N, C-alpha and C. Protein backbone atom coordinates (compact mmCIF):
# COMPACT_ATOMS: atom_id res chain seq x y z
N UNK A 1 63.30 113.57 131.98
CA UNK A 1 62.89 114.80 132.62
C UNK A 1 63.86 115.88 132.19
N UNK A 2 63.36 117.04 131.84
CA UNK A 2 64.25 118.15 131.52
C UNK A 2 63.85 119.35 132.36
N UNK A 3 64.77 120.22 132.54
CA UNK A 3 64.56 121.41 133.35
C UNK A 3 64.84 122.61 132.47
N UNK A 4 63.94 123.57 132.48
CA UNK A 4 64.16 124.76 131.66
C UNK A 4 65.19 125.66 132.33
N UNK A 5 65.94 126.41 131.54
CA UNK A 5 66.96 127.28 132.13
C UNK A 5 66.37 128.26 133.13
N UNK A 6 65.16 128.73 132.90
CA UNK A 6 64.56 129.71 133.80
C UNK A 6 64.31 129.11 135.18
N UNK A 7 64.00 127.80 135.24
CA UNK A 7 63.73 127.20 136.54
C UNK A 7 65.01 126.90 137.31
N UNK A 8 66.13 126.94 136.64
CA UNK A 8 67.39 126.64 137.31
C UNK A 8 67.87 127.82 138.13
N UNK A 9 67.96 128.96 137.52
CA UNK A 9 68.45 130.13 138.24
C UNK A 9 67.98 131.38 137.52
N UNK A 10 66.77 131.83 137.81
CA UNK A 10 66.20 132.94 137.07
C UNK A 10 66.99 134.24 137.17
N UNK A 11 67.74 134.41 138.23
CA UNK A 11 68.47 135.67 138.40
C UNK A 11 69.92 135.55 137.94
N UNK A 12 70.24 134.47 137.23
CA UNK A 12 71.62 134.25 136.81
C UNK A 12 72.09 135.32 135.84
N UNK A 13 73.27 135.85 136.06
CA UNK A 13 73.82 136.75 135.06
C UNK A 13 74.25 135.93 133.85
N UNK A 14 74.19 136.51 132.69
CA UNK A 14 74.63 135.83 131.47
C UNK A 14 76.15 135.86 131.40
N UNK A 15 76.74 134.72 131.11
CA UNK A 15 78.18 134.64 130.93
C UNK A 15 78.44 134.83 129.44
N UNK A 16 79.21 135.85 129.08
CA UNK A 16 79.39 136.21 127.67
C UNK A 16 80.55 135.47 127.00
N UNK A 17 81.52 135.03 127.76
CA UNK A 17 82.64 134.29 127.19
C UNK A 17 82.64 132.90 127.81
N UNK A 18 83.61 132.10 127.44
CA UNK A 18 83.70 130.76 128.02
C UNK A 18 83.72 130.85 129.54
N UNK A 19 82.88 130.09 130.22
CA UNK A 19 82.86 130.17 131.68
C UNK A 19 84.15 129.63 132.30
N UNK A 20 84.58 130.27 133.34
CA UNK A 20 85.76 129.86 134.09
C UNK A 20 85.35 128.88 135.18
N UNK A 21 86.34 128.32 135.85
CA UNK A 21 86.05 127.46 137.00
C UNK A 21 85.22 128.22 138.04
N UNK A 22 85.55 129.49 138.26
CA UNK A 22 84.81 130.30 139.23
C UNK A 22 83.36 130.50 138.79
N UNK A 23 83.13 130.73 137.49
CA UNK A 23 81.76 130.87 136.97
C UNK A 23 80.97 129.59 137.20
N UNK A 24 81.60 128.45 136.93
CA UNK A 24 80.93 127.17 137.10
C UNK A 24 80.60 126.91 138.57
N UNK A 25 81.53 127.25 139.46
CA UNK A 25 81.29 127.06 140.88
C UNK A 25 80.18 127.99 141.36
N UNK A 26 80.17 129.23 140.89
CA UNK A 26 79.11 130.16 141.25
C UNK A 26 77.75 129.64 140.78
N UNK A 27 77.67 129.14 139.55
CA UNK A 27 76.43 128.56 139.04
C UNK A 27 75.98 127.39 139.91
N UNK A 28 76.92 126.48 140.23
CA UNK A 28 76.57 125.30 141.03
C UNK A 28 76.08 125.72 142.42
N UNK A 29 76.73 126.73 143.01
CA UNK A 29 76.30 127.20 144.34
C UNK A 29 74.89 127.79 144.30
N UNK A 30 74.65 128.65 143.31
CA UNK A 30 73.30 129.26 143.20
C UNK A 30 72.24 128.20 142.93
N UNK A 31 72.55 127.28 142.04
CA UNK A 31 71.58 126.25 141.69
C UNK A 31 71.30 125.34 142.88
N UNK A 32 72.31 125.05 143.68
CA UNK A 32 72.14 124.19 144.86
C UNK A 32 71.23 124.80 145.90
N UNK A 33 71.00 126.11 145.83
CA UNK A 33 70.08 126.76 146.79
C UNK A 33 68.64 126.77 146.29
N UNK A 34 68.38 126.30 145.09
CA UNK A 34 67.03 126.25 144.53
C UNK A 34 66.32 125.02 145.11
N UNK A 35 65.68 125.20 146.25
CA UNK A 35 65.10 124.07 146.98
C UNK A 35 64.03 123.35 146.17
N UNK A 36 63.26 124.06 145.36
CA UNK A 36 62.23 123.40 144.54
C UNK A 36 62.89 122.50 143.50
N UNK A 37 63.95 122.97 142.88
CA UNK A 37 64.66 122.16 141.89
C UNK A 37 65.27 120.92 142.56
N UNK A 38 65.91 121.11 143.68
CA UNK A 38 66.56 119.98 144.37
C UNK A 38 65.51 118.95 144.77
N UNK A 39 64.37 119.41 145.27
CA UNK A 39 63.30 118.50 145.70
C UNK A 39 62.64 117.80 144.51
N UNK A 40 62.76 118.35 143.31
CA UNK A 40 62.11 117.75 142.14
C UNK A 40 62.87 116.55 141.58
N UNK A 41 64.12 116.36 142.00
CA UNK A 41 64.90 115.25 141.47
C UNK A 41 64.37 113.93 142.02
N UNK A 42 63.96 113.01 141.14
CA UNK A 42 63.53 111.70 141.64
C UNK A 42 64.74 110.95 142.22
N UNK A 43 64.57 110.39 143.39
CA UNK A 43 65.66 109.66 144.04
C UNK A 43 65.36 108.17 143.99
N UNK A 44 66.36 107.38 143.66
CA UNK A 44 66.24 105.94 143.56
C UNK A 44 67.09 105.33 144.68
N UNK A 45 66.54 104.39 145.46
CA UNK A 45 67.34 103.82 146.55
C UNK A 45 68.50 102.95 146.07
N UNK A 46 68.50 102.55 144.81
CA UNK A 46 69.50 101.62 144.30
C UNK A 46 70.62 102.27 143.51
N UNK A 47 70.31 103.32 142.74
CA UNK A 47 71.33 103.89 141.87
C UNK A 47 71.20 105.39 141.74
N UNK A 48 72.24 106.01 141.21
CA UNK A 48 72.23 107.45 141.04
C UNK A 48 71.17 107.85 140.01
N UNK A 49 70.60 109.02 140.20
CA UNK A 49 69.68 109.62 139.25
C UNK A 49 70.23 110.97 138.85
N UNK A 50 69.83 111.46 137.66
CA UNK A 50 70.35 112.74 137.21
C UNK A 50 69.40 113.39 136.23
N UNK A 51 69.51 114.70 136.18
CA UNK A 51 68.77 115.53 135.24
C UNK A 51 69.77 116.51 134.66
N UNK A 52 69.74 116.66 133.35
CA UNK A 52 70.63 117.62 132.71
C UNK A 52 70.05 119.02 132.86
N UNK A 53 70.91 119.98 133.17
CA UNK A 53 70.53 121.38 133.33
C UNK A 53 71.24 122.22 132.26
N UNK A 54 70.76 123.38 132.02
CA UNK A 54 71.46 124.30 131.13
C UNK A 54 72.41 125.13 131.98
N UNK A 55 73.68 124.96 131.73
CA UNK A 55 74.69 125.67 132.50
C UNK A 55 75.03 127.00 131.84
N UNK A 56 75.84 127.79 132.50
CA UNK A 56 76.21 129.11 131.97
C UNK A 56 77.14 129.02 130.76
N UNK A 57 76.96 129.90 129.81
CA UNK A 57 77.89 130.04 128.70
C UNK A 57 78.10 128.80 127.87
N UNK A 58 77.07 127.96 127.72
CA UNK A 58 77.21 126.75 126.93
C UNK A 58 77.84 125.59 127.67
N UNK A 59 77.95 125.69 128.98
CA UNK A 59 78.52 124.58 129.75
C UNK A 59 77.49 123.46 129.89
N UNK A 60 77.97 122.32 130.29
CA UNK A 60 77.13 121.16 130.56
C UNK A 60 76.93 121.12 132.08
N UNK A 61 75.69 120.90 132.51
CA UNK A 61 75.43 120.88 133.95
C UNK A 61 74.47 119.73 134.27
N UNK A 62 74.59 119.23 135.48
CA UNK A 62 73.79 118.10 135.92
C UNK A 62 73.37 118.27 137.38
N UNK A 63 72.18 117.82 137.68
CA UNK A 63 71.68 117.66 139.05
C UNK A 63 71.73 116.15 139.28
N UNK A 64 72.45 115.71 140.32
CA UNK A 64 72.67 114.27 140.53
C UNK A 64 72.22 113.88 141.93
N UNK A 65 71.47 112.77 142.00
CA UNK A 65 71.06 112.18 143.27
C UNK A 65 71.92 110.97 143.57
N UNK A 66 72.38 110.88 144.80
CA UNK A 66 73.30 109.83 145.24
C UNK A 66 72.68 109.02 146.37
N UNK A 67 72.25 107.78 146.14
CA UNK A 67 71.79 106.96 147.27
C UNK A 67 72.94 106.68 148.24
N UNK A 68 72.61 106.29 149.46
CA UNK A 68 73.67 105.95 150.41
C UNK A 68 74.63 104.91 149.83
N UNK A 69 75.92 105.14 150.04
CA UNK A 69 76.94 104.18 149.65
C UNK A 69 77.30 104.16 148.17
N UNK A 70 76.84 105.12 147.37
CA UNK A 70 77.17 105.10 145.94
C UNK A 70 78.30 106.06 145.62
N UNK A 71 78.93 105.83 144.48
CA UNK A 71 80.03 106.69 144.06
C UNK A 71 80.30 106.55 142.58
N UNK A 72 81.24 107.34 142.11
CA UNK A 72 81.55 107.39 140.70
C UNK A 72 82.65 106.43 140.28
N UNK A 73 83.51 106.03 141.19
CA UNK A 73 84.74 105.36 140.80
C UNK A 73 85.72 106.43 140.34
N UNK A 74 86.98 106.05 140.20
CA UNK A 74 88.03 106.99 139.78
C UNK A 74 87.81 107.36 138.32
N UNK A 75 87.90 108.66 138.02
CA UNK A 75 87.70 109.15 136.65
C UNK A 75 88.26 110.55 136.51
N UNK A 76 88.33 111.03 135.27
CA UNK A 76 88.60 112.44 135.03
C UNK A 76 87.65 112.94 133.95
N UNK A 77 87.67 114.23 133.73
CA UNK A 77 86.77 114.86 132.75
C UNK A 77 87.56 115.40 131.57
N UNK A 78 88.71 114.80 131.29
CA UNK A 78 89.55 115.12 130.14
C UNK A 78 89.83 116.61 130.08
N UNK A 79 89.51 117.24 128.95
CA UNK A 79 89.87 118.65 128.71
C UNK A 79 88.92 119.66 129.38
N UNK A 80 87.90 119.19 130.05
CA UNK A 80 86.94 120.10 130.67
C UNK A 80 87.39 120.54 132.06
N UNK A 81 87.09 121.79 132.40
CA UNK A 81 87.18 122.25 133.78
C UNK A 81 85.80 122.06 134.39
N UNK A 82 85.72 122.04 135.70
CA UNK A 82 84.41 121.78 136.30
C UNK A 82 84.30 122.28 137.71
N UNK A 83 83.10 122.09 138.24
CA UNK A 83 82.80 122.44 139.62
C UNK A 83 81.61 121.62 140.07
N UNK A 84 81.52 121.38 141.36
CA UNK A 84 80.33 120.74 141.90
C UNK A 84 80.10 121.21 143.33
N UNK A 85 78.83 121.17 143.73
CA UNK A 85 78.41 121.60 145.07
C UNK A 85 77.41 120.60 145.60
N UNK A 86 77.56 120.19 146.85
CA UNK A 86 76.56 119.35 147.51
C UNK A 86 75.37 120.24 147.86
N UNK A 87 74.19 119.85 147.39
CA UNK A 87 72.97 120.61 147.68
C UNK A 87 72.27 120.06 148.92
N UNK A 88 72.39 118.76 149.15
CA UNK A 88 71.85 118.14 150.36
C UNK A 88 72.69 116.92 150.67
N UNK A 89 72.70 116.51 151.94
CA UNK A 89 73.56 115.42 152.34
C UNK A 89 75.01 115.85 152.35
N UNK A 90 75.90 114.89 152.26
CA UNK A 90 77.33 115.18 152.24
C UNK A 90 78.01 114.25 151.24
N UNK A 91 78.93 114.81 150.48
CA UNK A 91 79.73 114.02 149.56
C UNK A 91 81.18 114.01 150.03
N UNK A 92 81.88 112.99 149.63
CA UNK A 92 83.31 112.86 149.89
C UNK A 92 84.00 112.81 148.53
N UNK A 93 85.08 113.56 148.39
CA UNK A 93 85.87 113.50 147.17
C UNK A 93 87.27 113.04 147.51
N UNK A 94 87.71 111.96 146.86
CA UNK A 94 89.10 111.53 146.90
C UNK A 94 89.70 111.98 145.58
N UNK A 95 90.87 112.61 145.64
CA UNK A 95 91.49 113.10 144.41
C UNK A 95 93.00 112.89 144.49
N UNK A 96 93.62 113.10 143.33
CA UNK A 96 95.07 112.99 143.23
C UNK A 96 95.66 114.37 143.04
N UNK A 97 96.62 114.71 143.88
CA UNK A 97 97.33 115.99 143.75
C UNK A 97 98.56 115.76 142.90
N UNK A 98 98.32 115.34 141.66
CA UNK A 98 99.41 115.07 140.73
C UNK A 98 98.88 115.27 139.32
N UNK A 99 99.69 115.81 138.47
CA UNK A 99 99.34 115.95 137.06
C UNK A 99 99.73 114.67 136.35
N UNK A 100 98.76 113.98 135.77
CA UNK A 100 99.03 112.74 135.06
C UNK A 100 99.22 113.01 133.58
N UNK A 101 99.94 112.14 132.89
CA UNK A 101 100.01 112.30 131.43
C UNK A 101 98.60 112.22 130.86
N UNK A 102 98.32 112.96 129.82
CA UNK A 102 96.96 112.99 129.29
C UNK A 102 96.64 111.79 128.42
N UNK A 103 97.59 111.25 127.69
CA UNK A 103 97.34 110.12 126.80
C UNK A 103 98.58 109.25 126.69
N UNK A 104 98.39 108.06 126.12
CA UNK A 104 99.53 107.21 125.82
C UNK A 104 99.98 106.31 126.94
N UNK A 105 99.17 106.10 127.97
CA UNK A 105 99.56 105.23 129.06
C UNK A 105 98.38 104.34 129.45
N UNK A 106 98.67 103.20 130.03
CA UNK A 106 97.65 102.27 130.49
C UNK A 106 97.71 102.09 132.01
N UNK A 107 98.93 102.10 132.56
CA UNK A 107 99.13 101.87 133.99
C UNK A 107 100.18 102.84 134.51
N UNK A 108 99.90 103.43 135.67
CA UNK A 108 100.84 104.33 136.32
C UNK A 108 101.01 103.92 137.78
N UNK A 109 102.23 104.05 138.27
CA UNK A 109 102.46 103.89 139.70
C UNK A 109 102.50 105.28 140.31
N UNK A 110 101.61 105.53 141.25
CA UNK A 110 101.50 106.85 141.88
C UNK A 110 102.52 107.00 143.00
N UNK A 111 103.03 108.19 143.14
CA UNK A 111 103.95 108.49 144.24
C UNK A 111 103.18 108.54 145.55
N UNK A 112 103.87 108.30 146.63
CA UNK A 112 103.28 108.46 147.96
C UNK A 112 102.91 109.92 148.16
N UNK A 113 101.88 110.19 148.91
CA UNK A 113 101.52 111.55 149.27
C UNK A 113 100.69 112.31 148.24
N UNK A 114 100.21 111.64 147.19
CA UNK A 114 99.41 112.36 146.18
C UNK A 114 97.91 112.33 146.50
N UNK A 115 97.50 111.54 147.47
CA UNK A 115 96.08 111.42 147.78
C UNK A 115 95.56 112.59 148.60
N UNK A 116 94.38 113.07 148.21
CA UNK A 116 93.70 114.14 148.93
C UNK A 116 92.26 113.69 149.20
N UNK A 117 91.72 114.10 150.33
CA UNK A 117 90.34 113.78 150.67
C UNK A 117 89.63 115.05 151.13
N UNK A 118 88.41 115.26 150.62
CA UNK A 118 87.60 116.41 151.04
C UNK A 118 86.22 115.90 151.41
N UNK A 119 85.66 116.47 152.44
CA UNK A 119 84.25 116.23 152.78
C UNK A 119 83.50 117.49 152.40
N UNK A 120 82.40 117.32 151.69
CA UNK A 120 81.62 118.46 151.21
C UNK A 120 80.18 118.34 151.71
N UNK A 121 79.89 118.96 152.87
CA UNK A 121 78.51 118.96 153.35
C UNK A 121 77.65 119.90 152.49
N UNK A 122 76.36 119.85 152.69
CA UNK A 122 75.44 120.69 151.90
C UNK A 122 75.91 122.14 151.91
N UNK A 123 75.95 122.74 150.72
CA UNK A 123 76.38 124.12 150.55
C UNK A 123 77.85 124.26 150.21
N UNK A 124 78.63 123.20 150.38
CA UNK A 124 80.06 123.25 150.09
C UNK A 124 80.34 122.62 148.72
N UNK A 125 81.37 123.14 148.07
CA UNK A 125 81.72 122.61 146.77
C UNK A 125 83.14 122.94 146.42
N UNK A 126 83.48 122.63 145.18
CA UNK A 126 84.84 122.92 144.72
C UNK A 126 84.87 122.97 143.21
N UNK A 127 85.86 123.67 142.71
CA UNK A 127 86.13 123.74 141.28
C UNK A 127 87.42 122.96 141.01
N UNK A 128 87.59 122.52 139.77
CA UNK A 128 88.80 121.78 139.42
C UNK A 128 89.16 122.03 137.96
N UNK A 129 90.43 121.78 137.66
CA UNK A 129 90.96 122.02 136.32
C UNK A 129 90.90 120.80 135.42
N UNK A 130 91.45 120.96 134.25
CA UNK A 130 91.50 119.88 133.26
C UNK A 130 92.27 118.68 133.81
N UNK A 131 91.84 117.49 133.42
CA UNK A 131 92.51 116.23 133.75
C UNK A 131 92.59 115.96 135.25
N UNK A 132 91.65 116.49 136.02
CA UNK A 132 91.60 116.28 137.46
C UNK A 132 91.05 114.88 137.73
N UNK A 133 91.86 114.02 138.32
CA UNK A 133 91.45 112.64 138.60
C UNK A 133 90.87 112.58 140.00
N UNK A 134 89.63 112.05 140.09
CA UNK A 134 88.98 111.97 141.40
C UNK A 134 87.90 110.89 141.39
N UNK A 135 87.37 110.64 142.58
CA UNK A 135 86.15 109.86 142.74
C UNK A 135 85.29 110.61 143.74
N UNK A 136 83.98 110.56 143.52
CA UNK A 136 83.04 111.25 144.39
C UNK A 136 82.12 110.18 144.98
N UNK A 137 81.89 110.27 146.30
CA UNK A 137 81.13 109.25 147.01
C UNK A 137 80.11 109.87 147.96
N UNK A 138 79.01 109.16 148.14
CA UNK A 138 78.11 109.44 149.25
C UNK A 138 78.41 108.34 150.27
N UNK A 139 79.19 108.66 151.27
CA UNK A 139 79.63 107.68 152.26
C UNK A 139 78.57 107.39 153.32
N UNK A 140 77.47 108.14 153.33
CA UNK A 140 76.42 107.91 154.32
C UNK A 140 75.81 106.52 154.13
N UNK A 141 75.43 105.92 155.23
CA UNK A 141 74.73 104.63 155.17
C UNK A 141 73.22 104.81 155.13
N UNK A 142 72.75 106.04 155.39
CA UNK A 142 71.30 106.23 155.52
C UNK A 142 70.72 107.37 154.70
N UNK A 143 71.51 108.37 154.35
CA UNK A 143 71.00 109.58 153.70
C UNK A 143 71.37 109.68 152.23
N UNK A 144 70.39 110.07 151.42
CA UNK A 144 70.69 110.45 150.04
C UNK A 144 71.47 111.77 150.06
N UNK A 145 72.22 112.01 149.03
CA UNK A 145 72.84 113.31 148.80
C UNK A 145 72.40 113.77 147.41
N UNK A 146 72.37 115.08 147.21
CA UNK A 146 72.07 115.65 145.89
C UNK A 146 73.14 116.71 145.63
N UNK A 147 73.60 116.76 144.39
CA UNK A 147 74.65 117.72 144.05
C UNK A 147 74.40 118.32 142.67
N UNK A 148 75.05 119.47 142.43
CA UNK A 148 75.00 120.16 141.15
C UNK A 148 76.41 120.18 140.58
N UNK A 149 76.54 119.80 139.30
CA UNK A 149 77.84 119.72 138.63
C UNK A 149 77.78 120.54 137.35
N UNK A 150 78.89 121.18 136.97
CA UNK A 150 78.96 121.93 135.71
C UNK A 150 80.35 121.75 135.11
N UNK A 151 80.40 121.64 133.78
CA UNK A 151 81.66 121.39 133.06
C UNK A 151 81.72 122.26 131.81
N UNK A 152 82.92 122.75 131.51
CA UNK A 152 83.14 123.47 130.26
C UNK A 152 84.55 123.17 129.75
N UNK A 153 84.68 122.86 128.48
CA UNK A 153 83.60 122.67 127.52
C UNK A 153 82.77 121.44 127.88
N UNK A 154 81.56 121.33 127.29
CA UNK A 154 80.76 120.13 127.56
C UNK A 154 81.63 118.88 127.39
N UNK A 155 81.42 117.92 128.25
CA UNK A 155 82.32 116.78 128.36
C UNK A 155 82.60 116.08 127.02
N UNK A 156 83.87 116.15 126.56
CA UNK A 156 84.23 115.45 125.33
C UNK A 156 84.45 113.96 125.57
N UNK A 157 84.83 113.64 126.80
CA UNK A 157 85.05 112.25 127.18
C UNK A 157 85.29 112.18 128.68
N UNK A 158 85.12 110.99 129.21
CA UNK A 158 85.46 110.70 130.60
C UNK A 158 86.35 109.47 130.57
N UNK A 159 87.48 109.57 131.23
CA UNK A 159 88.34 108.41 131.36
C UNK A 159 88.10 107.77 132.72
N UNK A 160 87.85 106.47 132.73
CA UNK A 160 87.58 105.73 133.96
C UNK A 160 88.79 104.87 134.31
N UNK A 161 89.10 104.84 135.62
CA UNK A 161 90.29 104.15 136.11
C UNK A 161 89.91 103.15 137.19
N UNK A 162 90.77 102.14 137.36
CA UNK A 162 90.71 101.30 138.55
C UNK A 162 91.97 101.62 139.35
N UNK A 163 91.89 101.35 140.62
CA UNK A 163 93.04 101.65 141.47
C UNK A 163 93.23 100.53 142.47
N UNK A 164 94.47 100.05 142.54
CA UNK A 164 94.86 99.07 143.54
C UNK A 164 96.12 99.61 144.20
N UNK A 165 95.99 100.01 145.47
CA UNK A 165 97.12 100.62 146.16
C UNK A 165 97.57 101.86 145.42
N UNK A 166 98.83 101.90 145.03
CA UNK A 166 99.38 103.06 144.34
C UNK A 166 99.36 102.90 142.81
N UNK A 167 98.70 101.86 142.31
CA UNK A 167 98.66 101.61 140.87
C UNK A 167 97.30 102.06 140.31
N UNK A 168 97.38 102.97 139.35
CA UNK A 168 96.20 103.49 138.66
C UNK A 168 96.21 102.92 137.25
N UNK A 169 95.09 102.33 136.83
CA UNK A 169 95.01 101.71 135.51
C UNK A 169 93.84 102.32 134.74
N UNK A 170 94.12 102.77 133.52
CA UNK A 170 93.07 103.26 132.63
C UNK A 170 92.26 102.06 132.17
N UNK A 171 90.94 102.09 132.42
CA UNK A 171 90.08 100.97 132.09
C UNK A 171 89.19 101.23 130.88
N UNK A 172 88.73 102.49 130.75
CA UNK A 172 87.73 102.76 129.72
C UNK A 172 87.71 104.24 129.40
N UNK A 173 87.43 104.57 128.16
CA UNK A 173 87.20 105.95 127.75
C UNK A 173 85.77 106.03 127.24
N UNK A 174 84.97 106.89 127.87
CA UNK A 174 83.57 107.08 127.47
C UNK A 174 83.43 108.39 126.73
N UNK A 175 82.55 108.41 125.77
CA UNK A 175 82.24 109.62 124.99
C UNK A 175 80.77 109.95 125.18
N UNK A 176 80.36 111.18 124.85
CA UNK A 176 78.95 111.59 125.10
C UNK A 176 77.91 110.62 124.55
N UNK A 177 78.17 110.01 123.42
CA UNK A 177 77.17 109.08 122.87
C UNK A 177 76.96 107.86 123.77
N UNK A 178 77.93 107.56 124.65
CA UNK A 178 77.78 106.45 125.59
C UNK A 178 76.82 106.79 126.73
N UNK A 179 76.51 108.07 126.93
CA UNK A 179 75.68 108.49 128.06
C UNK A 179 74.23 108.75 127.66
N UNK A 180 73.91 108.64 126.38
CA UNK A 180 72.56 108.97 125.92
C UNK A 180 71.56 107.89 126.28
């Protein structure tokens, strides 16, 4: 399924230069209010669903459906900045308030006090910078959630991590060809 740019946000201003975190968050907020678009996303009771959107200024954007109890696992978006907004339901974001080395490590022991938790009900969202490590979850046992995400530059890679207590381990590096 594809969505034309006009159906995403017909009144969107054109972004002439590389979009900033604020531009991406503004796009995600406006798109999350498009009730017809949000309702058009097919929802699966077992796994996440998604549709790629055309984001501002050449950014990569996604509409994502989250069944109850699903999540991303710990990951980052490498060199991309991003933003996301809950369009329906509520999402929870666990993140690390620490700058991690970008490359050359397999296992890190995290300091105490680096964990952050945010609850994002419908209409709420956040922007983040490069190498932001987080996991996003739909903690509800009964309700689907839907969210809008945007990244710039388009995702060059995603690094996936496992976490046991204060130990973070790099498990996998995914590239765009892995998502096709």
